[in-house]
Amino acid sequence: MKWPKIPLGIRIFLLYIGFVVVCGYIVTKTVTSEVKPAVRQTMEETLVDMSSLIAVMVADDVKNGTLQQSQYPELLSDYSLLESKASIWGLDKTATNKRIYITDISGTVILDSNGKDVGKDYSRWNDVYLTLRGKYGARTTKLNALDEMSTVMHVASPIMNGLDIIGSVTVSKANSAMQPFIERSQNRLIKWGVILGLIAILIGALLAWRITQALNRLSYYAEQTIKGEKIAAPTFRMFYEFGELALVLDKMRHQLEGKNYAEHYVQTLTHELKSPLAAIKGASEILQTPISDESRQRFLENIENESNRVHLLIDRMLKLSIVEQQQVIEDKQSIDINDACELAFRGLESRFTSKNISSALQLSSNDKISGDSFLLQQAIINLLENAVDFTPENGTIKLSVIKENTQFSIVVFNKGEAIPEYALTKITTKFYSLPRPDTNMKSTGLGLNFVDEIAQLHHARLHIRNVLEGVEAKLVFNELT
């Protein structure tokens, strides 16, 4: 049988709940079971103190045999009829519930607060029997053998004449009188135990959720890395161990990427250089044979063009490799958008003029972003160069900066043929290029990919689409500085 796959966070949470429930049950059970004995021990101590006090008070009358003629029979009678209006920790006490009886040295009752058992022999009861023999006398007796709640606690103290015992005083109290206090304490302990248990479970759920979220972030980071996405390693404030693991993964990714990146670019560069090198080799071989001056000039121009192509390919691949290896811009600068656009625009005015292109520059208010000014300017130049390549003679190019709330766009429009639908989704792919209308030749296919990489570094997006009478390339930035 195959065990179901349960997420680590849920497994930790279930184990935590089990631990809390078991510990909570043991602690609550232990504490509630101790409440009853503790309350009865406290009650017994109170009865001991009370019986000792009465024993001291009646000692002279018992010694002189004048107890019945003293004030104590009347006092005990009044005590038994006394109504109480006390409120003890929220529980009302409306009547006295203690019985007091006094015996002589033989164990015969000589005074009873109930007035019923005077003259009876109590010498066999442990409270009287033990006390008259100089021991601690106490007993618990059931009034109803079948009812555990009918027990009555009796505690006795000796009546002394010097060093001699001449009688005993017993104070008794029904344990049922303390039961409301016991039950209330037990109920409160259970209630607070449940509340604390629920709080502990909520804390456990929160911790399990945070652990799950941390693992999900690590998984997402690994998945994006596998896909080749550039993403910074996640950071963790609470679970720093996950942060350390993320840093280790990030270092491993960089090492693997460096190796794969080098292999990939060696292969790509080798492939891309084959065509121009073959053209150069072919032209040089032809030049070694007798040909006309016109043909010689044409092949020399081919060699120069292909050499420039090799130089451009290597230069752009080097620039692209640097940008692709960057995860974030470490040394950010405040970039004036208008200045960056104007510098790029002015730098290409000679190319506009050579093709009789009508150019326009439309800037917005002086806004700034945080980033790398050189890279951003290179991105704008690449967009403009790409627009020039696909704009026919006497065409139009327009560079605009459009602001919308906290978002702004750098837009390059060129009037020319629309991009084929099949190429729109691949236009920013590395080494993908469309033939130029003027020469029917393809470029390196790295320019727009270079722009897309720079956009990602600046948390921007590159959108290229066909619009009325031409093509629009737009860099959309989300935040201004």
Protein backbone atom coordinates (compact mmCIF):
# COMPACT_ATOMS: atom_id res chain seq x y z
CA MET A 1 0.00 0.00 0.00
CA LYS A 2 1.35 3.37 -1.03
CA TRP A 3 1.14 6.15 1.54
CA PRO A 4 -0.54 9.35 0.34
CA LYS A 5 1.71 12.35 -0.17
CA ILE A 6 0.95 14.85 2.57
CA PRO A 7 2.70 18.25 2.47
CA LEU A 8 5.38 18.74 5.12
CA GLY A 9 3.54 21.70 6.67
CA ILE A 10 0.39 19.59 7.20
CA ARG A 11 2.41 16.71 8.63
CA ILE A 12 4.13 19.05 11.09
CA PHE A 13 0.76 20.58 11.98
CA LEU A 14 -0.87 17.17 12.59
CA LEU A 15 2.03 16.05 14.79
CA TYR A 16 1.86 19.36 16.64
CA ILE A 17 -1.90 18.98 17.22
CA GLY A 18 -1.38 15.44 18.51
CA PHE A 19 1.31 16.64 20.89
CA VAL A 20 -0.83 19.57 22.13
CA VAL A 21 -3.91 17.39 22.62
CA VAL A 22 -2.04 14.67 24.53
CA CYS A 23 -0.13 17.14 26.71
CA GLY A 24 -3.25 19.24 27.26
CA TYR A 25 -5.26 16.19 28.30
CA ILE A 26 -2.57 14.94 30.69
CA VAL A 27 -2.04 18.35 32.28
CA THR A 28 -5.77 19.15 32.55
CA LYS A 29 -6.57 15.69 33.92
CA THR A 30 -3.76 15.90 36.47
CA VAL A 31 -4.62 19.42 37.62
CA THR A 32 -8.38 18.82 37.85
CA SER A 33 -7.80 15.61 39.82
CA GLU A 34 -5.67 17.58 42.28
CA VAL A 35 -8.31 20.25 42.83
CA LYS A 36 -10.60 18.10 44.97
CA PRO A 37 -7.92 16.86 47.41
CA ALA A 38 -6.42 20.35 47.64
CA VAL A 39 -9.77 21.93 48.51
CA ARG A 40 -10.50 19.26 51.11
CA GLN A 41 -7.05 19.63 52.64
CA THR A 42 -7.67 23.36 52.96
CA MET A 43 -11.07 22.69 54.54
CA GLU A 44 -9.50 20.20 56.97
CA GLU A 45 -6.93 22.75 58.07
CA THR A 46 -9.70 25.28 58.71
CA LEU A 47 -11.62 22.74 60.81
CA VAL A 48 -8.48 21.97 62.85
CA ASP A 49 -7.99 25.67 63.64
CA MET A 50 -11.65 26.12 64.55
CA SER A 51 -11.78 23.05 66.82
CA SER A 52 -8.56 24.10 68.56
CA LEU A 53 -9.98 27.57 69.23
CA ILE A 54 -13.20 26.17 70.70
CA ALA A 55 -11.23 23.66 72.80
CA VAL A 56 -9.31 26.51 74.44
CA MET A 57 -12.50 28.54 75.01
CA VAL A 58 -14.49 25.73 76.74
CA ALA A 59 -11.60 24.16 78.68
CA ASP A 60 -12.47 25.82 82.07
CA ASP A 61 -16.18 24.93 81.89
CA VAL A 62 -15.44 21.31 80.96
CA LYS A 63 -12.94 21.06 83.84
CA ASN A 64 -15.44 22.55 86.32
CA GLY A 65 -18.42 20.58 84.94
CA THR A 66 -20.32 23.82 84.25
CA LEU A 67 -20.48 23.59 80.44
CA GLN A 68 -24.26 23.14 80.35
CA GLN A 69 -24.75 26.18 82.59
CA SER A 70 -22.39 28.33 80.52
CA GLN A 71 -23.20 30.54 77.55
CA TYR A 72 -21.87 27.99 75.02
CA PRO A 73 -25.05 25.86 74.59
CA GLU A 74 -26.97 29.00 73.62
CA LEU A 75 -24.13 30.25 71.39
CA LEU A 76 -23.88 26.94 69.53
CA SER A 77 -27.67 26.86 69.09
CA ASP A 78 -27.63 30.37 67.65
CA TYR A 79 -24.71 29.39 65.44
CA SER A 80 -26.62 26.48 63.94
CA LEU A 81 -29.51 28.79 63.04
CA LEU A 82 -27.32 31.55 61.68
CA GLU A 83 -28.06 32.72 58.12
CA SER A 84 -25.14 33.88 56.02
CA LYS A 85 -25.16 36.37 53.15
CA ALA A 86 -21.59 35.92 52.01
CA SER A 87 -20.51 35.73 48.35
CA ILE A 88 -17.33 33.72 48.00
CA TRP A 89 -15.68 33.98 44.58
CA GLY A 90 -19.06 34.34 42.93
CA LEU A 91 -20.79 31.60 44.93
CA ASP A 92 -23.39 32.60 47.53
CA LYS A 93 -23.22 31.16 51.05
CA THR A 94 -26.67 31.37 52.72
CA ALA A 95 -26.31 29.11 55.81
CA THR A 96 -23.74 27.65 58.16
CA ASN A 97 -22.97 24.04 57.42
CA LYS A 98 -20.71 23.04 60.30
CA ARG A 99 -21.62 20.86 63.25
CA ILE A 100 -19.83 21.14 66.59
CA TYR A 101 -19.97 18.65 69.43
CA ILE A 102 -18.00 18.35 72.66
CA THR A 103 -17.29 15.15 74.62
CA ASP A 104 -15.90 14.48 78.06
CA ILE A 105 -12.92 12.24 78.83
CA SER A 106 -15.08 9.12 78.43
CA GLY A 107 -16.23 10.11 74.95
CA THR A 108 -19.79 10.99 75.94
CA VAL A 109 -21.29 13.99 74.13
CA ILE A 110 -21.88 16.79 76.59
CA LEU A 111 -22.76 19.53 74.08
CA ASP A 112 -24.04 19.34 70.50
CA SER A 113 -24.76 22.31 68.22
CA ASN A 114 -27.65 20.27 66.74
CA GLY A 115 -28.92 19.44 70.22
CA LYS A 116 -29.64 15.82 69.21
CA ASP A 117 -26.81 13.61 70.40
CA VAL A 118 -26.14 14.91 73.91
CA GLY A 119 -25.44 11.92 76.19
CA LYS A 120 -24.49 9.55 73.40
CA ASP A 121 -21.26 7.59 73.49
CA TYR A 122 -18.92 8.72 70.67
CA SER A 123 -15.87 7.06 72.12
CA ARG A 124 -15.74 4.60 69.21
CA TRP A 125 -15.56 7.28 66.51
CA ASN A 126 -12.02 7.85 65.32
CA ASP A 127 -12.13 11.61 65.81
CA VAL A 128 -12.96 11.22 69.51
CA TYR A 129 -11.12 7.94 70.09
CA LEU A 130 -7.79 9.13 68.71
CA THR A 131 -7.99 12.62 70.19
CA LEU A 132 -8.62 11.35 73.72
CA ARG A 133 -5.49 9.22 73.34
CA GLY A 134 -3.31 12.17 72.39
CA LYS A 135 -3.35 11.55 68.63
CA TYR A 136 -4.69 13.51 65.71
CA GLY A 137 -8.36 12.63 65.47
CA ALA A 138 -10.19 12.87 62.16
CA ARG A 139 -12.65 10.79 60.20
CA THR A 140 -14.81 10.92 57.07
CA THR A 141 -18.21 9.26 57.27
CA LYS A 142 -20.86 8.66 54.60
CA LEU A 143 -24.37 9.60 55.59
CA ASN A 144 -25.60 7.46 52.69
CA ALA A 145 -23.49 4.42 51.82
CA LEU A 146 -24.54 4.65 48.17
CA ASP A 147 -23.83 8.35 47.73
CA GLU A 148 -20.23 9.48 47.37
CA MET A 149 -21.32 13.09 47.82
CA SER A 150 -22.80 12.45 51.30
CA THR A 151 -19.44 12.26 53.08
CA VAL A 152 -18.85 14.44 56.12
CA MET A 153 -15.40 15.35 57.45
CA HIS A 154 -14.92 15.37 61.24
CA VAL A 155 -11.85 16.94 62.83
CA ALA A 156 -11.28 16.94 66.61
CA SER A 157 -8.95 18.79 69.01
CA PRO A 158 -8.26 17.87 72.63
CA ILE A 159 -9.55 19.91 75.60
CA MET A 160 -6.61 20.29 77.93
CA ASN A 161 -6.24 20.80 81.67
CA GLY A 162 -2.57 21.50 81.91
CA LEU A 163 -0.98 18.45 80.37
CA ASP A 164 -4.03 16.23 80.81
CA ILE A 165 -6.73 15.63 78.21
CA ILE A 166 -10.20 16.10 79.75
CA GLY A 167 -12.32 15.97 76.60
CA SER A 168 -12.53 16.69 72.86
CA VAL A 169 -14.10 19.19 70.50
CA THR A 170 -15.14 17.99 67.02
CA VAL A 171 -16.03 20.28 64.15
CA SER A 172 -17.62 18.56 61.15
CA LYS A 173 -18.48 19.82 57.70
CA ALA A 174 -20.14 18.10 54.75
CA ASN A 175 -17.82 17.74 51.77
CA SER A 176 -20.77 18.56 49.52
CA ALA A 177 -20.54 22.15 50.79
CA MET A 178 -17.20 22.47 49.00
CA GLN A 179 -18.33 20.70 45.83
CA PRO A 180 -19.50 23.90 44.03
CA PHE A 181 -16.05 25.41 44.55
CA ILE A 182 -14.39 22.22 43.32
CA GLU A 183 -16.61 22.02 40.24
CA ARG A 184 -16.16 25.68 39.44
CA SER A 185 -12.37 25.37 39.68
CA GLN A 186 -12.38 22.25 37.55
CA ASN A 187 -14.63 23.87 34.95
CA ARG A 188 -12.41 26.94 34.81
CA LEU A 189 -9.32 24.80 34.40
CA ILE A 190 -10.96 22.83 31.61
CA LYS A 191 -12.22 26.02 29.91
CA TRP A 192 -8.84 27.71 30.02
CA GLY A 193 -7.17 24.48 29.00
CA VAL A 194 -9.38 24.35 25.91
CA ILE A 195 -8.76 28.05 25.16
CA LEU A 196 -4.99 27.71 25.52
CA GLY A 197 -5.11 24.52 23.47
CA LEU A 198 -6.94 26.32 20.66
CA ILE A 199 -4.46 29.19 20.83
CA ALA A 200 -1.60 26.69 20.66
CA ILE A 201 -3.24 24.98 17.67
CA LEU A 202 -3.67 28.35 15.91
CA ILE A 203 0.00 29.16 16.55
CA GLY A 204 0.91 25.73 15.21
CA ALA A 205 -1.26 26.31 12.14
CA LEU A 206 0.44 29.66 11.55
CA LEU A 207 3.90 28.12 11.87
CA ALA A 208 2.94 25.23 9.58
CA TRP A 209 1.56 27.73 7.05
CA ARG A 210 4.72 29.83 7.19
CA ILE A 211 6.88 26.71 6.72
CA THR A 212 4.72 25.64 3.77
CA GLN A 213 4.97 29.12 2.25
CA ALA A 214 8.75 29.09 2.69
CA LEU A 215 9.01 25.71 0.99
CA ASN A 216 6.71 26.89 -1.80
CA ARG A 217 8.91 29.94 -2.36
CA LEU A 218 11.98 27.72 -2.56
CA SER A 219 10.16 25.38 -4.96
CA TYR A 220 9.04 28.30 -7.11
CA TYR A 221 12.59 29.66 -7.16
CA ALA A 222 13.91 26.26 -8.25
CA GLU A 223 11.22 25.90 -10.94
CA GLN A 224 11.90 29.37 -12.35
CA THR A 225 15.62 28.63 -12.34
CA ILE A 226 15.03 25.42 -14.28
CA LYS A 227 13.01 27.44 -16.82
CA GLY A 228 15.93 29.83 -17.18
CA GLU A 229 14.12 32.79 -15.61
CA LYS A 230 16.21 35.36 -13.81
CA ILE A 231 14.88 35.60 -10.31
CA ALA A 232 16.53 36.70 -7.08
CA ALA A 233 16.94 34.13 -4.32
CA PRO A 234 14.12 34.41 -1.75
CA THR A 235 14.90 35.86 1.67
CA PHE A 236 13.39 34.77 4.99
CA ARG A 237 13.21 36.78 8.19
CA MET A 238 11.86 34.11 10.53
CA PHE A 239 13.21 30.85 9.08
CA TYR A 240 16.79 31.93 8.42
CA GLU A 241 17.76 28.31 7.70
CA PHE A 242 15.59 28.46 4.57
CA GLY A 243 17.39 31.68 3.64
CA GLU A 244 20.74 29.94 3.98
CA LEU A 245 19.46 27.07 1.82
CA ALA A 246 18.24 29.60 -0.78
CA LEU A 247 21.71 31.19 -0.86
CA VAL A 248 23.33 27.78 -1.35
CA LEU A 249 20.89 27.04 -4.19
CA ASP A 250 21.61 30.44 -5.69
CA LYS A 251 25.38 29.80 -5.63
CA MET A 252 24.86 26.38 -7.15
CA ARG A 253 22.62 27.90 -9.84
CA HIS A 254 25.26 30.50 -10.71
CA GLN A 255 27.93 27.84 -11.02
CA LEU A 256 25.75 25.62 -13.19
CA GLU A 257 24.54 28.57 -15.23
CA GLY A 258 28.10 29.72 -15.81
CA LYS A 259 29.06 26.33 -17.18
CA ASN A 260 25.91 25.90 -19.28
CA TYR A 261 26.04 29.51 -20.38
CA ALA A 262 29.60 29.17 -21.65
CA GLU A 263 28.79 25.92 -23.50
CA HIS A 264 25.65 27.43 -25.02
CA TYR A 265 27.38 30.59 -26.21
CA VAL A 266 30.35 28.75 -27.65
CA GLN A 267 27.97 26.57 -29.65
CA THR A 268 25.80 29.51 -30.69
CA LEU A 269 28.71 31.74 -31.63
CA THR A 270 30.27 28.90 -33.63
CA HIS A 271 27.02 28.37 -35.51
CA GLU A 272 26.39 32.07 -36.17
CA LEU A 273 29.96 32.70 -37.35
CA LYS A 274 29.89 29.94 -39.91
CA SER A 275 27.91 31.92 -42.47
CA PRO A 276 29.96 35.17 -42.52
CA LEU A 277 33.27 33.29 -42.28
CA ALA A 278 32.25 31.07 -45.18
CA ALA A 279 31.38 34.19 -47.20
CA ILE A 280 34.72 35.80 -46.36
CA LYS A 281 36.62 32.60 -47.23
CA GLY A 282 34.74 32.27 -50.52
CA ALA A 283 35.34 35.91 -51.47
CA SER A 284 39.07 35.67 -50.63
CA GLU A 285 39.46 32.55 -52.76
CA ILE A 286 37.78 34.26 -55.70
CA LEU A 287 40.00 37.30 -55.25
CA GLN A 288 43.03 35.07 -55.76
CA THR A 289 41.86 34.33 -59.30
CA PRO A 290 41.90 36.71 -62.28
CA ILE A 291 38.67 38.73 -62.13
CA SER A 292 37.49 42.11 -63.31
CA ASP A 293 38.03 45.22 -61.24
CA GLU A 294 34.28 45.55 -60.76
CA SER A 295 33.99 42.00 -59.41
CA ARG A 296 37.05 42.50 -57.23
CA GLN A 297 35.49 45.62 -55.72
CA ARG A 298 32.22 43.79 -55.10
CA PHE A 299 33.95 40.90 -53.31
CA LEU A 300 36.05 43.27 -51.25
CA GLU A 301 32.85 44.99 -50.16
CA ASN A 302 31.42 41.57 -49.26
CA ILE A 303 34.48 40.83 -47.13
CA GLU A 304 34.12 44.17 -45.38
CA ASN A 305 30.37 43.69 -44.83
CA GLU A 306 30.79 40.16 -43.47
CA SER A 307 33.69 41.29 -41.27
CA ASN A 308 31.48 44.03 -39.86
CA ARG A 309 28.76 41.46 -39.34
CA VAL A 310 31.16 39.22 -37.37
CA HIS A 311 32.28 42.19 -35.30
CA LEU A 312 28.68 43.25 -34.63
CA LEU A 313 27.67 39.71 -33.72
CA ILE A 314 30.52 39.30 -31.25
CA ASP A 315 29.96 42.76 -29.76
CA ARG A 316 26.24 42.24 -29.27
CA MET A 317 26.66 38.76 -27.85
CA LEU A 318 29.16 40.08 -25.32
CA LYS A 319 26.77 42.86 -24.29
CA LEU A 320 23.83 40.47 -24.10
CA SER A 321 25.80 37.92 -22.07
CA ILE A 322 26.66 40.60 -19.50
CA VAL A 323 23.02 41.69 -19.18
CA GLU A 324 21.72 38.12 -19.04
CA GLN A 325 24.06 37.27 -16.18
CA GLN A 326 22.79 40.20 -14.11
CA GLN A 327 20.14 39.33 -11.55
CA VAL A 328 19.59 42.86 -10.31
CA ILE A 329 21.04 46.31 -10.93
CA GLU A 330 23.39 46.75 -7.99
CA ASP A 331 24.45 50.37 -8.54
CA LYS A 332 21.17 52.10 -9.33
CA GLN A 333 21.08 55.68 -10.55
CA SER A 334 18.35 58.25 -10.87
CA ILE A 335 17.68 58.47 -14.60
CA ASP A 336 16.01 61.44 -16.28
CA ILE A 337 13.73 59.80 -18.86
CA ASN A 338 13.66 62.81 -21.17
CA ASP A 339 17.47 63.09 -21.21
CA ALA A 340 17.91 59.38 -21.98
CA CYS A 341 15.41 59.52 -24.85
CA GLU A 342 16.82 62.74 -26.28
CA LEU A 343 20.42 61.46 -26.25
CA ALA A 344 19.43 58.25 -28.01
CA PHE A 345 17.28 60.16 -30.51
CA ARG A 346 20.00 62.71 -31.36
CA GLY A 347 22.55 59.94 -31.80
CA LEU A 348 20.53 58.44 -34.67
CA GLU A 349 19.63 61.65 -36.48
CA SER A 350 22.28 60.97 -39.16
CA ARG A 351 20.63 57.64 -39.99
CA PHE A 352 17.22 59.34 -40.14
CA THR A 353 18.67 61.88 -42.58
CA SER A 354 20.39 59.27 -44.79
CA LYS A 355 17.02 57.56 -45.41
CA ASN A 356 15.02 60.82 -45.56
CA ILE A 357 13.01 59.64 -42.54
CA SER A 358 10.75 62.14 -40.89
CA SER A 359 11.46 61.92 -37.14
CA ALA A 360 9.65 63.35 -34.13
CA LEU A 361 10.49 63.43 -30.42
CA GLN A 362 7.65 63.92 -27.95
CA LEU A 363 8.62 64.13 -24.27
CA SER A 364 6.54 64.36 -21.09
CA SER A 365 7.23 66.22 -17.85
CA ASN A 366 10.61 65.65 -16.20
CA ASP A 367 10.13 62.25 -14.58
CA LYS A 368 12.86 59.94 -13.29
CA ILE A 369 13.30 56.24 -12.69
CA SER A 370 15.87 54.23 -10.76
CA GLY A 371 18.14 51.98 -12.80
CA ASP A 372 21.18 51.83 -15.07
CA SER A 373 21.30 54.88 -17.38
CA PHE A 374 23.72 53.28 -19.88
CA LEU A 375 21.65 50.13 -20.31
CA LEU A 376 18.39 52.06 -20.59
CA GLN A 377 19.85 54.34 -23.25
CA GLN A 378 21.19 51.30 -25.15
CA ALA A 379 17.71 49.76 -25.06
CA ILE A 380 16.19 52.93 -26.58
CA ILE A 381 18.93 53.05 -29.23
CA ASN A 382 18.27 49.41 -30.17
CA LEU A 383 14.54 50.12 -30.56
CA LEU A 384 15.27 53.14 -32.75
CA GLU A 385 17.84 51.23 -34.85
CA ASN A 386 15.36 48.42 -35.34
CA ALA A 387 12.73 50.99 -36.40
CA VAL A 388 15.15 52.56 -38.90
CA ASP A 389 15.91 49.14 -40.44
CA PHE A 390 12.21 48.49 -41.08
CA THR A 391 11.22 52.02 -42.15
CA PRO A 392 11.24 52.67 -45.91
CA GLU A 393 12.68 55.77 -47.59
CA ASN A 394 10.72 58.93 -46.72
CA GLY A 395 9.05 57.08 -43.84
CA THR A 396 8.26 58.26 -40.31
CA ILE A 397 9.69 57.45 -36.87
CA LYS A 398 8.37 58.87 -33.61
CA LEU A 399 9.81 58.52 -30.11
CA SER A 400 7.36 59.39 -27.31
CA VAL A 401 7.27 59.34 -23.53
CA ILE A 402 3.75 58.80 -22.21
CA LYS A 403 2.87 59.12 -18.53
CA GLU A 404 -0.20 57.61 -16.88
CA ASN A 405 -0.39 58.11 -13.09
CA THR A 406 2.66 56.27 -11.65
CA GLN A 407 3.17 54.28 -14.85
CA PHE A 408 4.91 55.54 -17.97
CA SER A 409 5.93 54.20 -21.35
CA ILE A 410 8.71 54.84 -23.85
CA VAL A 411 7.10 54.31 -27.27
CA VAL A 412 8.88 53.97 -30.64
CA PHE A 413 6.58 54.09 -33.68
CA ASN A 414 7.74 53.49 -37.24
CA LYS A 415 5.61 53.79 -40.34
CA GLY A 416 6.15 50.67 -42.39
CA GLU A 417 5.02 47.15 -43.12
CA ALA A 418 3.29 45.21 -40.37
CA ILE A 419 5.07 42.35 -38.64
CA PRO A 420 3.72 38.98 -39.83
CA GLU A 421 1.43 37.35 -37.29
CA TYR A 422 3.62 34.25 -37.05
CA ALA A 423 6.61 36.41 -36.05
CA LEU A 424 4.94 38.55 -33.36
CA THR A 425 5.38 35.92 -30.63
CA LYS A 426 9.01 35.21 -31.61
CA ILE A 427 10.25 38.71 -32.36
CA THR A 428 12.16 39.01 -29.06
CA THR A 429 13.58 35.48 -29.20
CA LYS A 430 17.35 35.26 -29.35
CA PHE A 431 18.75 34.99 -32.91
CA TYR A 432 15.32 35.35 -34.50
CA SER A 433 15.28 38.01 -37.16
CA LEU A 434 13.18 39.11 -40.14
CA PRO A 435 14.73 40.20 -43.46
CA ARG A 436 15.28 43.96 -43.79
CA PRO A 437 13.11 45.49 -46.52
CA ASP A 438 16.04 47.39 -48.09
CA THR A 439 18.64 44.63 -48.26
CA ASN A 440 16.54 41.48 -47.67
CA MET A 441 19.23 40.48 -45.13
CA LYS A 442 18.69 39.39 -41.55
CA SER A 443 20.40 40.90 -38.53
CA THR A 444 22.01 39.05 -35.63
CA GLY A 445 18.62 38.65 -33.97
CA LEU A 446 19.99 39.87 -30.66
CA GLY A 447 18.81 43.50 -30.55
CA LEU A 448 15.24 43.06 -29.33
CA ASN A 449 16.27 40.22 -27.00
CA PHE A 450 18.83 42.64 -25.53
CA VAL A 451 16.06 45.23 -25.00
CA ASP A 452 13.81 42.63 -23.38
CA GLU A 453 16.58 41.65 -20.93
CA ILE A 454 17.17 45.30 -20.00
CA ALA A 455 13.43 45.80 -19.49
CA GLN A 456 13.31 42.88 -17.05
CA LEU A 457 16.23 44.31 -15.09
CA HIS A 458 14.23 47.55 -14.71
CA HIS A 459 11.01 45.66 -13.78
CA ALA A 460 9.51 46.82 -17.07
CA ARG A 461 7.79 45.04 -19.98
CA LEU A 462 8.48 45.18 -23.72
CA HIS A 463 5.42 45.08 -25.98
CA ILE A 464 5.68 45.02 -29.77
CA ARG A 465 2.51 45.16 -31.86
CA ASN A 466 1.13 46.20 -35.20
CA VAL A 467 -0.80 49.47 -35.19
CA LEU A 468 -2.45 51.59 -37.84
CA GLU A 469 0.07 52.25 -40.66
CA GLY A 470 3.02 50.76 -38.83
CA VAL A 471 4.60 49.05 -35.81
CA GLU A 472 4.81 50.17 -32.20
CA ALA A 473 7.45 49.05 -29.67
CA LYS A 474 6.66 50.05 -26.12
CA LEU A 475 8.71 49.84 -22.91
CA VAL A 476 6.26 50.01 -19.97
CA PHE A 477 7.65 50.95 -16.55
CA ASN A 478 5.52 50.50 -13.44
CA GLU A 479 7.12 52.88 -10.97
CA LEU A 480 8.68 56.30 -10.93
CA THR A 481 11.25 57.44 -8.37
